[in-house]
Every structure is written in C-alpha cells, then in structure tokens.
Amino acid sequence: MIRNFLRKFMLGRYGPDHLGTAMMLAALVLSLILQVAGFGILIVIPYVLLALMIFRMLSRNINARRRENDRFLRFWGPVRSKIKSRFARLRDRKTHRYFTCPGCRNTLRVPRGRGSLQITCPRCGERFVRKT
C-alpha cells in the first residue's frame, strides 16, 4: 500500500543523484562542525542544504536537474581521482615507489627493493634510471 503510493508519487520526478548525495553529506558534516563550534545562526545552513536536496529529488524538471548533476560531476571527477590516487600511494608506500617521468610528467609506479632500475615511460618512451 505505502510502497505503491511512494512509487506513484515519485513517478515523473527526478529522484536521488550524486549531487544530492554530496549535498546530504556536506549538510551532515557542516551540522556536526557548527554544533561543536557553537555557532548559533549558522546552524540554519545545513537545513537549507537538505531542503535544496529534497527540492531537487522531487523536481519534475528532469533536464535542469540532470544538467546540474553533470556540472557537479565534471567538477568532482578530477577531485575524486586525485583523492583516490593519493590513497593508493599511501596504501602502496611499503611495496612501491612512485617516480615522475622527466619527459611527460607522467607518474610511474615501480616495485621497491630492486636496486637501480632503468625505467621506460609507457606514455612517451623516455628512459631514465632511478634507485628503488
């Protein structure tokens, strides 16, 4: 009964997306920070973010919401890949070393403990020697 009601209610509406999820997480983090810091009037900001997220989810203007989400993903994509690469480097710090190719500035991953290696960049073909 309730399930059918919700299904019919959401029919033709935009629903959740990546931007909405990011807004919800930002509201949660901001709410926690503002509660701990004790800012009075600024505590309204997370609620505004949540209201905007709900507005976007219930919106029937699907094309506008999709454009907003695409703009967010164009911004978030490079940031996310940078964060993931930093975590990968942190995870692999005991088994691998990372070097930058002097020719094309590409980041190369090489196993640790192999002594001096001649490294060939797969992108530009430049060869250089580094101690691992």
Protein backbone atom coordinates (compact mmCIF):
# COMPACT_ATOMS: atom_id res chain seq x y z
CA MET A 1 0.00 0.00 0.00
CA ILE A 2 2.61 2.58 1.09
CA ARG A 3 5.09 1.20 -1.42
CA ASN A 4 2.65 1.76 -4.30
CA PHE A 5 1.88 5.24 -3.04
CA LEU A 6 5.58 6.16 -3.00
CA ARG A 7 6.12 4.61 -6.43
CA LYS A 8 3.24 6.64 -7.90
CA PHE A 9 4.35 9.79 -6.07
CA MET A 10 7.90 9.60 -7.46
CA LEU A 11 6.71 8.86 -10.99
CA GLY A 12 7.98 11.65 -13.26
CA ARG A 13 10.20 13.15 -10.57
CA TYR A 14 13.99 13.36 -10.70
CA GLY A 15 14.98 11.33 -7.64
CA PRO A 16 18.38 10.98 -5.95
CA ASP A 17 21.71 11.59 -7.72
CA HIS A 18 25.40 12.25 -6.98
CA LEU A 19 24.90 15.97 -6.29
CA GLY A 20 22.09 15.22 -3.85
CA THR A 21 24.25 12.71 -2.01
CA ALA A 22 27.10 15.22 -1.82
CA MET A 23 24.72 17.88 -0.50
CA MET A 24 23.44 15.49 2.17
CA LEU A 25 26.97 14.59 3.28
CA ALA A 26 28.01 18.26 3.27
CA ALA A 27 24.97 19.13 5.40
CA LEU A 28 25.80 16.36 7.87
CA VAL A 29 29.46 17.37 8.21
CA LEU A 30 28.62 21.07 8.39
CA SER A 31 25.96 20.39 11.01
CA LEU A 32 28.42 18.49 13.19
CA ILE A 33 31.08 21.18 12.84
CA LEU A 34 28.66 24.01 13.63
CA GLN A 35 27.23 22.13 16.63
CA VAL A 36 30.68 21.56 18.11
CA ALA A 37 31.85 25.09 17.34
CA GLY A 38 28.69 26.59 18.86
CA PHE A 39 27.71 28.95 16.03
CA GLY A 40 24.11 29.97 16.62
CA ILE A 41 22.51 31.36 13.46
CA LEU A 42 24.79 29.46 11.06
CA ILE A 43 23.17 26.17 12.07
CA VAL A 44 20.44 27.01 9.53
CA ILE A 45 22.83 26.38 6.59
CA PRO A 46 22.71 22.55 6.78
CA TYR A 47 18.92 22.65 6.83
CA VAL A 48 18.91 24.85 3.74
CA LEU A 49 21.17 22.30 2.00
CA LEU A 50 18.83 19.47 2.98
CA ALA A 51 15.79 21.42 1.75
CA LEU A 52 17.53 22.08 -1.56
CA MET A 53 18.39 18.38 -1.85
CA ILE A 54 14.75 17.39 -1.26
CA PHE A 55 13.59 20.02 -3.76
CA ARG A 56 15.95 18.55 -6.38
CA MET A 57 14.74 15.00 -5.68
CA LEU A 58 11.07 15.93 -6.01
CA SER A 59 11.54 18.20 -9.02
CA ARG A 60 9.76 17.38 -12.26
CA ASN A 61 12.23 19.44 -14.32
CA ILE A 62 14.45 16.45 -15.06
CA ASN A 63 16.58 18.15 -17.73
CA ALA A 64 17.61 21.01 -15.45
CA ARG A 65 18.45 18.64 -12.59
CA ARG A 66 20.47 16.42 -14.95
CA ARG A 67 22.46 19.45 -16.18
CA GLU A 68 23.19 20.46 -12.57
CA ASN A 69 24.37 16.93 -11.76
CA ASP A 70 26.56 16.82 -14.91
CA ARG A 71 28.23 20.10 -13.94
CA PHE A 72 28.86 18.73 -10.46
CA LEU A 73 30.34 15.50 -11.85
CA ARG A 74 32.64 17.48 -14.20
CA PHE A 75 33.96 19.29 -11.12
CA TRP A 76 34.02 16.27 -8.81
CA GLY A 77 35.61 13.79 -11.26
CA PRO A 78 39.14 15.24 -11.19
CA VAL A 79 38.95 15.88 -7.44
CA ARG A 80 37.83 12.30 -6.81
CA SER A 81 40.58 10.82 -8.99
CA LYS A 82 43.20 12.94 -7.21
CA ILE A 83 41.96 11.74 -3.81
CA LYS A 84 41.90 8.11 -4.97
CA SER A 85 45.45 8.34 -6.33
CA ARG A 86 46.69 9.81 -3.03
CA PHE A 87 45.09 6.97 -1.07
CA ALA A 88 46.57 4.41 -3.49
CA ARG A 89 50.03 5.90 -2.99
CA LEU A 90 49.56 5.79 0.76
CA ARG A 91 48.39 2.17 0.59
CA ASP A 92 51.31 1.10 -1.66
CA ARG A 93 54.06 3.01 0.15
CA LYS A 94 55.68 -0.17 1.51
CA THR A 95 55.73 -2.13 -1.74
CA HIS A 96 56.15 0.50 -4.47
CA ARG A 97 57.85 3.81 -5.24
CA TYR A 98 56.42 6.49 -7.45
CA PHE A 99 58.51 8.49 -9.91
CA THR A 100 57.69 11.29 -12.31
CA CYS A 101 58.79 10.92 -15.92
CA PRO A 102 61.15 13.80 -16.83
CA GLY A 103 59.76 13.87 -20.38
CA CYS A 104 55.97 13.95 -19.96
CA ARG A 105 55.49 14.36 -16.18
CA ASN A 106 53.54 11.07 -16.02
CA THR A 107 53.52 9.30 -12.63
CA LEU A 108 55.06 5.83 -12.75
CA ARG A 109 54.80 3.08 -10.11
CA VAL A 110 57.87 0.86 -9.62
CA PRO A 111 58.37 -2.01 -7.13
CA ARG A 112 60.59 -1.27 -4.12
CA GLY A 113 63.85 -3.04 -3.34
CA ARG A 114 65.04 -3.74 -6.88
CA GLY A 115 68.14 -1.53 -6.73
CA SER A 116 68.82 0.83 -9.64
CA LEU A 117 66.35 0.31 -12.47
CA GLN A 118 66.13 1.70 -15.95
CA ILE A 119 62.52 2.85 -16.15
CA THR A 120 60.79 3.32 -19.51
CA CYS A 121 57.77 5.60 -19.56
CA PRO A 122 54.84 3.88 -21.32
CA ARG A 123 53.40 7.20 -22.47
CA CYS A 124 56.40 8.92 -24.11
CA GLY A 125 59.05 6.18 -24.21
CA GLU A 126 61.64 8.19 -22.26
CA ARG A 127 64.15 6.09 -20.33
CA PHE A 128 65.69 7.13 -17.02
CA VAL A 129 67.48 5.39 -14.15
CA ARG A 130 66.29 5.60 -10.54
CA LYS A 131 67.12 3.73 -7.36
CA THR A 132 64.16 1.85 -5.90
